[in-house]
Structures are given as structure tokens and as C-alpha cells.
N, C-alpha and C. Protein backbone atom coordinates (compact mmCIF):
# COMPACT_ATOMS: atom_id res chain seq x y z
N MET A 1 7.20 -44.10 -67.09
CA MET A 1 5.84 -43.67 -66.77
C MET A 1 5.75 -43.32 -65.28
N ALA A 2 5.32 -42.14 -64.99
CA ALA A 2 5.21 -41.68 -63.60
C ALA A 2 4.00 -42.34 -62.93
N THR A 3 4.19 -42.70 -61.67
CA THR A 3 3.08 -43.25 -60.91
C THR A 3 2.15 -42.12 -60.50
N ARG A 4 0.97 -42.49 -60.03
CA ARG A 4 0.02 -41.49 -59.56
C ARG A 4 0.63 -40.67 -58.43
N GLU A 5 1.33 -41.35 -57.52
CA GLU A 5 1.96 -40.65 -56.40
C GLU A 5 2.98 -39.64 -56.88
N GLN A 6 3.81 -40.04 -57.86
CA GLN A 6 4.83 -39.13 -58.37
C GLN A 6 4.19 -37.89 -59.00
N LYS A 7 3.06 -38.06 -59.66
CA LYS A 7 2.37 -36.91 -60.25
C LYS A 7 1.89 -35.96 -59.16
N ILE A 8 1.38 -36.50 -58.07
CA ILE A 8 0.94 -35.68 -56.94
C ILE A 8 2.13 -34.93 -56.34
N PHE A 9 3.25 -35.61 -56.20
CA PHE A 9 4.44 -35.00 -55.59
C PHE A 9 4.90 -33.78 -56.38
N GLU A 10 4.75 -33.82 -57.70
CA GLU A 10 5.23 -32.73 -58.55
C GLU A 10 4.15 -31.69 -58.84
N MET A 11 2.95 -31.92 -58.36
CA MET A 11 1.85 -30.97 -58.55
C MET A 11 2.07 -29.75 -57.64
N PRO A 12 1.81 -28.55 -58.17
CA PRO A 12 1.92 -27.37 -57.30
C PRO A 12 0.88 -27.41 -56.19
N PHE A 13 1.32 -27.13 -54.98
CA PHE A 13 0.41 -27.06 -53.84
C PHE A 13 -0.69 -26.04 -54.12
N ALA A 14 -0.34 -24.96 -54.82
CA ALA A 14 -1.31 -23.90 -55.13
C ALA A 14 -2.45 -24.40 -56.02
N ASP A 15 -2.25 -25.48 -56.76
CA ASP A 15 -3.33 -26.03 -57.59
C ASP A 15 -4.40 -26.71 -56.74
N VAL A 16 -4.00 -27.24 -55.59
CA VAL A 16 -4.93 -27.99 -54.73
C VAL A 16 -5.52 -27.08 -53.65
N TYR A 17 -4.79 -26.06 -53.26
CA TYR A 17 -5.23 -25.18 -52.17
C TYR A 17 -6.66 -24.64 -52.39
N PRO A 18 -7.01 -24.13 -53.59
CA PRO A 18 -8.39 -23.64 -53.77
C PRO A 18 -9.46 -24.72 -53.55
N LEU A 19 -9.10 -25.97 -53.83
CA LEU A 19 -10.03 -27.08 -53.59
C LEU A 19 -10.23 -27.29 -52.09
N TYR A 20 -9.14 -27.16 -51.32
CA TYR A 20 -9.26 -27.24 -49.86
C TYR A 20 -10.16 -26.11 -49.35
N VAL A 21 -9.94 -24.90 -49.87
CA VAL A 21 -10.73 -23.73 -49.43
C VAL A 21 -12.20 -23.96 -49.72
N SER A 22 -12.51 -24.37 -50.94
CA SER A 22 -13.93 -24.55 -51.29
C SER A 22 -14.55 -25.68 -50.48
N LYS A 23 -13.79 -26.73 -50.20
CA LYS A 23 -14.31 -27.85 -49.41
C LYS A 23 -14.71 -27.39 -48.01
N VAL A 24 -13.83 -26.62 -47.35
CA VAL A 24 -14.15 -26.19 -45.98
C VAL A 24 -15.23 -25.11 -45.98
N GLU A 25 -15.23 -24.23 -46.99
CA GLU A 25 -16.25 -23.17 -47.04
C GLU A 25 -17.64 -23.74 -47.31
N ARG A 26 -17.73 -24.83 -48.09
CA ARG A 26 -19.03 -25.47 -48.32
C ARG A 26 -19.64 -25.96 -47.01
N LYS A 27 -18.78 -26.24 -46.03
CA LYS A 27 -19.23 -26.77 -44.74
C LYS A 27 -19.21 -25.69 -43.65
N ASN A 28 -19.30 -24.43 -44.08
CA ASN A 28 -19.38 -23.29 -43.15
C ASN A 28 -18.15 -23.11 -42.27
N ARG A 29 -16.99 -23.52 -42.75
CA ARG A 29 -15.72 -23.18 -42.10
C ARG A 29 -15.10 -22.11 -42.98
N ASP A 30 -14.03 -21.47 -42.52
CA ASP A 30 -13.47 -20.43 -43.36
C ASP A 30 -11.98 -20.63 -43.63
N GLU A 31 -11.47 -19.85 -44.58
CA GLU A 31 -10.09 -20.01 -45.01
C GLU A 31 -9.11 -19.78 -43.86
N SER A 32 -9.44 -18.88 -42.94
CA SER A 32 -8.53 -18.64 -41.82
C SER A 32 -8.35 -19.90 -40.97
N GLU A 33 -9.42 -20.69 -40.83
CA GLU A 33 -9.30 -21.95 -40.10
C GLU A 33 -8.44 -22.95 -40.88
N LEU A 34 -8.60 -22.96 -42.20
CA LEU A 34 -7.78 -23.82 -43.04
C LEU A 34 -6.31 -23.44 -42.90
N ILE A 35 -6.02 -22.16 -42.92
CA ILE A 35 -4.64 -21.68 -42.77
C ILE A 35 -4.09 -22.10 -41.42
N LYS A 36 -4.91 -22.01 -40.39
CA LYS A 36 -4.47 -22.42 -39.04
C LYS A 36 -4.08 -23.90 -39.03
N VAL A 37 -4.87 -24.73 -39.68
CA VAL A 37 -4.61 -26.16 -39.75
C VAL A 37 -3.32 -26.43 -40.53
N ILE A 38 -3.16 -25.77 -41.67
CA ILE A 38 -1.97 -25.99 -42.50
C ILE A 38 -0.71 -25.52 -41.78
N THR A 39 -0.79 -24.35 -41.13
CA THR A 39 0.39 -23.83 -40.44
C THR A 39 0.73 -24.70 -39.23
N TRP A 40 -0.29 -25.25 -38.57
CA TRP A 40 -0.03 -26.17 -37.45
C TRP A 40 0.76 -27.38 -37.95
N LEU A 41 0.29 -27.98 -39.05
CA LEU A 41 0.93 -29.19 -39.56
C LEU A 41 2.35 -28.92 -40.06
N THR A 42 2.53 -27.82 -40.77
CA THR A 42 3.79 -27.58 -41.49
C THR A 42 4.82 -26.77 -40.71
N GLY A 43 4.37 -26.03 -39.70
CA GLY A 43 5.28 -25.14 -38.99
C GLY A 43 5.49 -23.82 -39.72
N PHE A 44 4.85 -23.64 -40.87
CA PHE A 44 4.96 -22.37 -41.60
C PHE A 44 4.13 -21.31 -40.90
N ASP A 45 4.50 -20.04 -41.05
CA ASP A 45 3.60 -18.97 -40.67
C ASP A 45 2.76 -18.63 -41.92
N SER A 46 1.75 -17.79 -41.76
CA SER A 46 0.86 -17.53 -42.91
C SER A 46 1.60 -16.85 -44.06
N LYS A 47 2.61 -16.04 -43.74
CA LYS A 47 3.39 -15.36 -44.78
C LYS A 47 4.16 -16.40 -45.62
N THR A 48 4.77 -17.37 -44.96
CA THR A 48 5.50 -18.42 -45.67
C THR A 48 4.54 -19.27 -46.51
N LEU A 49 3.38 -19.56 -45.95
CA LEU A 49 2.37 -20.32 -46.69
C LEU A 49 1.98 -19.57 -47.96
N LYS A 50 1.69 -18.29 -47.84
CA LYS A 50 1.31 -17.48 -49.01
C LYS A 50 2.44 -17.43 -50.04
N SER A 51 3.68 -17.41 -49.57
CA SER A 51 4.84 -17.42 -50.47
C SER A 51 4.89 -18.72 -51.27
N HIS A 52 4.64 -19.84 -50.61
CA HIS A 52 4.61 -21.13 -51.32
C HIS A 52 3.50 -21.15 -52.37
N LEU A 53 2.36 -20.59 -52.03
CA LEU A 53 1.25 -20.54 -52.99
C LEU A 53 1.63 -19.69 -54.19
N LYS A 54 2.22 -18.55 -53.94
CA LYS A 54 2.60 -17.63 -55.02
C LYS A 54 3.67 -18.24 -55.92
N LYS A 55 4.63 -18.95 -55.31
CA LYS A 55 5.74 -19.53 -56.08
C LYS A 55 5.36 -20.84 -56.76
N GLN A 56 4.15 -21.32 -56.55
CA GLN A 56 3.71 -22.59 -57.16
C GLN A 56 4.61 -23.76 -56.74
N THR A 57 4.98 -23.78 -55.46
CA THR A 57 5.82 -24.84 -54.92
C THR A 57 5.13 -26.19 -55.09
N THR A 58 5.89 -27.19 -55.52
CA THR A 58 5.33 -28.55 -55.64
C THR A 58 5.08 -29.12 -54.25
N PHE A 59 4.22 -30.13 -54.17
CA PHE A 59 3.99 -30.80 -52.88
C PHE A 59 5.32 -31.31 -52.31
N ARG A 60 6.19 -31.84 -53.19
CA ARG A 60 7.49 -32.36 -52.73
C ARG A 60 8.28 -31.26 -52.02
N ASP A 61 8.43 -30.09 -52.65
CA ASP A 61 9.22 -29.01 -52.07
C ASP A 61 8.50 -28.33 -50.91
N PHE A 62 7.16 -28.29 -50.98
CA PHE A 62 6.37 -27.72 -49.89
C PHE A 62 6.64 -28.49 -48.59
N PHE A 63 6.54 -29.81 -48.66
CA PHE A 63 6.74 -30.61 -47.46
C PHE A 63 8.22 -30.78 -47.11
N LYS A 64 9.11 -30.64 -48.11
CA LYS A 64 10.54 -30.72 -47.82
C LYS A 64 10.95 -29.55 -46.90
N SER A 65 10.35 -28.38 -47.09
CA SER A 65 10.71 -27.22 -46.28
C SER A 65 9.85 -27.09 -45.02
N ALA A 66 8.89 -28.00 -44.85
CA ALA A 66 8.01 -27.96 -43.66
C ALA A 66 8.68 -28.64 -42.47
N LYS A 67 8.31 -28.17 -41.28
CA LYS A 67 8.72 -28.82 -40.04
C LYS A 67 7.44 -29.42 -39.45
N ILE A 68 7.20 -30.67 -39.76
CA ILE A 68 5.93 -31.32 -39.40
C ILE A 68 5.77 -31.35 -37.87
N HIS A 69 4.58 -30.97 -37.44
CA HIS A 69 4.28 -30.90 -36.00
C HIS A 69 4.48 -32.28 -35.36
N PRO A 70 5.10 -32.32 -34.18
CA PRO A 70 5.34 -33.63 -33.53
C PRO A 70 4.05 -34.41 -33.26
N ASN A 71 2.93 -33.72 -33.07
CA ASN A 71 1.67 -34.42 -32.82
C ASN A 71 0.99 -34.93 -34.09
N ALA A 72 1.60 -34.68 -35.25
CA ALA A 72 1.02 -35.19 -36.50
C ALA A 72 0.91 -36.71 -36.47
N LYS A 73 1.80 -37.37 -35.72
CA LYS A 73 1.72 -38.83 -35.65
C LYS A 73 0.43 -39.30 -34.99
N LEU A 74 -0.29 -38.38 -34.34
CA LEU A 74 -1.58 -38.72 -33.72
C LEU A 74 -2.72 -38.69 -34.74
N ILE A 75 -2.44 -38.28 -35.97
CA ILE A 75 -3.46 -38.27 -37.03
C ILE A 75 -3.61 -39.70 -37.53
N THR A 76 -4.78 -40.26 -37.30
CA THR A 76 -5.02 -41.65 -37.68
C THR A 76 -6.30 -41.76 -38.49
N GLY A 77 -6.65 -42.96 -38.83
CA GLY A 77 -7.87 -43.19 -39.60
C GLY A 77 -7.53 -43.44 -41.06
N SER A 78 -8.55 -43.31 -41.90
CA SER A 78 -8.39 -43.56 -43.33
C SER A 78 -8.67 -42.31 -44.12
N ILE A 79 -7.98 -42.21 -45.24
CA ILE A 79 -8.25 -41.13 -46.19
C ILE A 79 -8.21 -41.77 -47.58
N CYS A 80 -9.22 -41.53 -48.36
CA CYS A 80 -9.34 -42.14 -49.69
C CYS A 80 -9.25 -43.66 -49.60
N GLY A 81 -9.81 -44.22 -48.53
CA GLY A 81 -9.84 -45.67 -48.37
C GLY A 81 -8.54 -46.31 -47.94
N VAL A 82 -7.55 -45.49 -47.60
CA VAL A 82 -6.25 -46.01 -47.20
C VAL A 82 -5.98 -45.59 -45.75
N LYS A 83 -5.61 -46.56 -44.93
CA LYS A 83 -5.28 -46.25 -43.53
C LYS A 83 -3.95 -45.48 -43.50
N ILE A 84 -3.97 -44.34 -42.82
CA ILE A 84 -2.77 -43.50 -42.75
C ILE A 84 -1.59 -44.28 -42.18
N ALA A 85 -1.85 -45.11 -41.18
CA ALA A 85 -0.78 -45.88 -40.54
C ALA A 85 -0.09 -46.84 -41.52
N GLU A 86 -0.77 -47.20 -42.61
CA GLU A 86 -0.22 -48.16 -43.57
C GLU A 86 0.54 -47.49 -44.71
N ILE A 87 0.54 -46.17 -44.76
CA ILE A 87 1.24 -45.46 -45.84
C ILE A 87 2.73 -45.47 -45.53
N GLU A 88 3.52 -46.03 -46.43
CA GLU A 88 4.95 -46.17 -46.18
C GLU A 88 5.75 -44.98 -46.67
N ASP A 89 5.38 -44.39 -47.79
CA ASP A 89 6.14 -43.27 -48.34
C ASP A 89 5.98 -42.04 -47.43
N PRO A 90 7.08 -41.50 -46.91
CA PRO A 90 6.98 -40.38 -45.96
C PRO A 90 6.30 -39.14 -46.55
N LEU A 91 6.56 -38.85 -47.83
CA LEU A 91 5.93 -37.67 -48.45
C LEU A 91 4.43 -37.89 -48.61
N MET A 92 4.04 -39.08 -49.07
CA MET A 92 2.61 -39.38 -49.24
C MET A 92 1.91 -39.33 -47.88
N LYS A 93 2.57 -39.79 -46.84
CA LYS A 93 1.97 -39.76 -45.50
C LYS A 93 1.69 -38.31 -45.09
N LYS A 94 2.63 -37.39 -45.36
CA LYS A 94 2.43 -35.98 -45.02
C LYS A 94 1.28 -35.37 -45.81
N ILE A 95 1.19 -35.73 -47.09
CA ILE A 95 0.09 -35.23 -47.92
C ILE A 95 -1.24 -35.74 -47.37
N ARG A 96 -1.28 -37.00 -46.99
CA ARG A 96 -2.51 -37.58 -46.45
C ARG A 96 -2.85 -37.02 -45.07
N TYR A 97 -1.82 -36.68 -44.26
CA TYR A 97 -2.09 -35.98 -43.00
C TYR A 97 -2.87 -34.71 -43.30
N LEU A 98 -2.39 -33.96 -44.28
CA LEU A 98 -3.06 -32.70 -44.62
C LEU A 98 -4.48 -32.96 -45.11
N ASP A 99 -4.65 -33.95 -45.98
CA ASP A 99 -5.99 -34.29 -46.47
C ASP A 99 -6.93 -34.63 -45.31
N LYS A 100 -6.43 -35.40 -44.36
CA LYS A 100 -7.24 -35.82 -43.20
C LYS A 100 -7.64 -34.61 -42.36
N LEU A 101 -6.70 -33.68 -42.14
CA LEU A 101 -7.01 -32.49 -41.36
C LEU A 101 -8.05 -31.62 -42.06
N VAL A 102 -7.94 -31.50 -43.37
CA VAL A 102 -8.92 -30.73 -44.14
C VAL A 102 -10.29 -31.40 -44.04
N ASP A 103 -10.33 -32.73 -44.13
CA ASP A 103 -11.59 -33.46 -43.98
C ASP A 103 -12.21 -33.21 -42.61
N GLU A 104 -11.39 -33.29 -41.57
CA GLU A 104 -11.90 -33.07 -40.21
C GLU A 104 -12.44 -31.66 -40.05
N LEU A 105 -11.76 -30.68 -40.62
CA LEU A 105 -12.23 -29.30 -40.56
C LEU A 105 -13.57 -29.18 -41.28
N ALA A 106 -13.67 -29.77 -42.47
CA ALA A 106 -14.91 -29.70 -43.25
C ALA A 106 -16.07 -30.43 -42.55
N LYS A 107 -15.74 -31.45 -41.76
CA LYS A 107 -16.80 -32.19 -41.06
C LYS A 107 -17.23 -31.52 -39.76
N GLY A 108 -16.63 -30.36 -39.46
CA GLY A 108 -17.06 -29.61 -38.28
C GLY A 108 -16.40 -30.03 -36.98
N ARG A 109 -15.34 -30.80 -37.06
CA ARG A 109 -14.65 -31.22 -35.83
C ARG A 109 -14.08 -29.98 -35.12
N PRO A 110 -14.13 -29.95 -33.81
CA PRO A 110 -13.59 -28.80 -33.07
C PRO A 110 -12.10 -28.63 -33.34
N MET A 111 -11.67 -27.37 -33.44
CA MET A 111 -10.27 -27.05 -33.80
C MET A 111 -9.27 -27.69 -32.81
N GLU A 112 -9.59 -27.71 -31.52
CA GLU A 112 -8.62 -28.29 -30.58
C GLU A 112 -8.41 -29.78 -30.82
N LYS A 113 -9.44 -30.46 -31.33
CA LYS A 113 -9.29 -31.89 -31.65
C LYS A 113 -8.52 -32.05 -32.97
N ILE A 114 -8.80 -31.20 -33.95
CA ILE A 114 -8.08 -31.26 -35.22
C ILE A 114 -6.58 -31.05 -34.98
N LEU A 115 -6.25 -30.09 -34.12
CA LEU A 115 -4.85 -29.76 -33.86
C LEU A 115 -4.21 -30.66 -32.80
N ARG A 116 -4.93 -31.71 -32.42
CA ARG A 116 -4.40 -32.71 -31.49
C ARG A 116 -3.82 -32.08 -30.24
N SER A 117 -4.52 -31.07 -29.71
CA SER A 117 -4.06 -30.45 -28.47
C SER A 117 -4.82 -31.05 -27.29
N GLY A 118 -4.17 -31.12 -26.19
CA GLY A 118 -4.80 -31.67 -24.98
C GLY A 118 -4.99 -33.16 -25.00
N LEU A 119 -4.24 -33.86 -25.87
CA LEU A 119 -4.38 -35.32 -25.92
C LEU A 119 -3.38 -35.99 -25.03
């Protein structure tokens, strides 16, 4: 029996991406800002990101090919009631980093703070 985490790992990133888009758009942010956040975290350019969406890459393979930004370790706090610092699985931590950045974007946080620049 697969755990909840294992199911998330094998889920196509493209299945969740529209949910991220609608979440940020409901809060008057736009998809280009979402793309900026995702490309910052993953090191992908927008063309590579679109390729992953088209190919239905799983979260596991999406993050396996990502070069996580060195400042991602500055992403702290809780997501879904779990403190990011307490997440032990490296893949789940990367997924939660992304969730946290999407939340911050949707809450109207300034882009320079979301991207952990100038810290």
C-alpha cells in the first residue's frame, strides 16, 4: 500500500499546476509571477517548465531534474500544519517549499521577499 507521500511523488506536476494558477489568480496575482517563483526554486527556465508540464512529469522526476536555489533553505514556517524544518524526506521538503512559495504569492507577499533576495 502506497503512503500518501508516495502518491504525491508519482503524481504529475501538471495535475497540480492549474491549482497553483487558480490559487494565485484568485488573489490577484498572475501566472507569470507563479512561473517566476517556480523557476527561481527549480532553476528551470520557462521553456523547461512548460516541457515538464507537457510531458506530465511526476513530482519525483520534476524535482530530480531541478537545481534547487541555494536560498531555498531560507523558506521556513509551516505548510499544511507541518513545520518545513521538521520534514525529513528531501523530496517532500522540496514539494513543501513550492507549496509555501505559492502560498506566499497568493497572500500578496512582495516578490523580493518570496524569492529570498536581499536577506
